[in-house]
Amino acid sequence: MTYRDLWLPLTAVADEREARAMAAWLLDVVFGLSLTDVAAGALEQLPDDDGRRLASMQQRLLQGEPVQYVAGVAHFGPRLFAVTPDVLIPRPETYELCRWLTQTLPVRPRSMVLDMGTGSGCIACTLALDRPDISVTACDISQEALQVARHNAQRLGANVGFVCGDALHMTVADRPLWTAIVSNPPYICQRERHTMQRQVVDYEPHLALFVPDDDPLLFYRAMARYGLGALVGQGALFFEVDADHADQVAELLRHMGYTGIEQRSDQFFRPRFIKATRP
């Protein structure tokens, strides 16, 4: 197989620029081949087993499967995280949420952060690696997701604790625990499915994507209610939100008594992140 043999058929599911990018990324992260290597003939010299594996990956891409699932890894900031269809593919904007927390969380003895709905563990591991002074716990309702997150923490050397729990029904401990609670919860209404990319709807876990049409703030309400009892004084919530519901989430938190509510935009100037402080 030549490089052209790899990327050209992919134009059936993507434009030429994206097809070339997918092919180059796959060769890089899976086989360790740069385009310079490919130009020197490395692709034609792949062992037979690798050649068959690459052909199988090409067929999966032609079926519309996201390239991150095909490769088994996804970039999140400067790191690669293992991903499977049991977890969402990490998005660049979520890394901005991590940066906000790591840059603003004060240095305190025994600061503790809870990542609710951890999925691949990309938030929890990033926080633990970028702020080794804090104690990070990751929570998810899915045992399969927790298995992926644990694998990522072990592979990256991130000191993260893991618990299985439902973000909608968290039990408050005898005393406040958390300096901060961070989450990128499900927030897409079911009615929006028909407008979304097929790769997302067909392959990514619906449990981590969708909320009922009549209650798009379901997870924010539950986590904020939990935070009132579980956050220490002046502890903070850090949420990723749907840009269309950012103002509603802010108003919900204000109504529940949270103060110091801040909104931040992503790289496309959409309101996507909210911080709120427990009074």
Foldseek 3Di string as FASTA:
>chain_A
DALCVQQVVLCVPPPSVVSSVLSQVLCCLQVVDHVVNRVVPVVVVDPPVVVVLSVVLSVVVVVVADSCQSSQWADEPPDIAGAHLQFDHDDNQVSVLLVVCLVPQDQDQAAEEEEEQCQQVSSQQSNCVSPVSYAYEYEEQDPVSVVNNVVRCVVVVGRYHYDYDDLQDDDADPAADHLEYEYAAAQAEPVCVVVDDPNCVVRHDVRRHYDHPVCSCSNLLRNLVNCLGHHDAFRKYKYFHDLVCLVVSQVSNVVVPWDPWDWDAGPVRGTTMIMTTHD
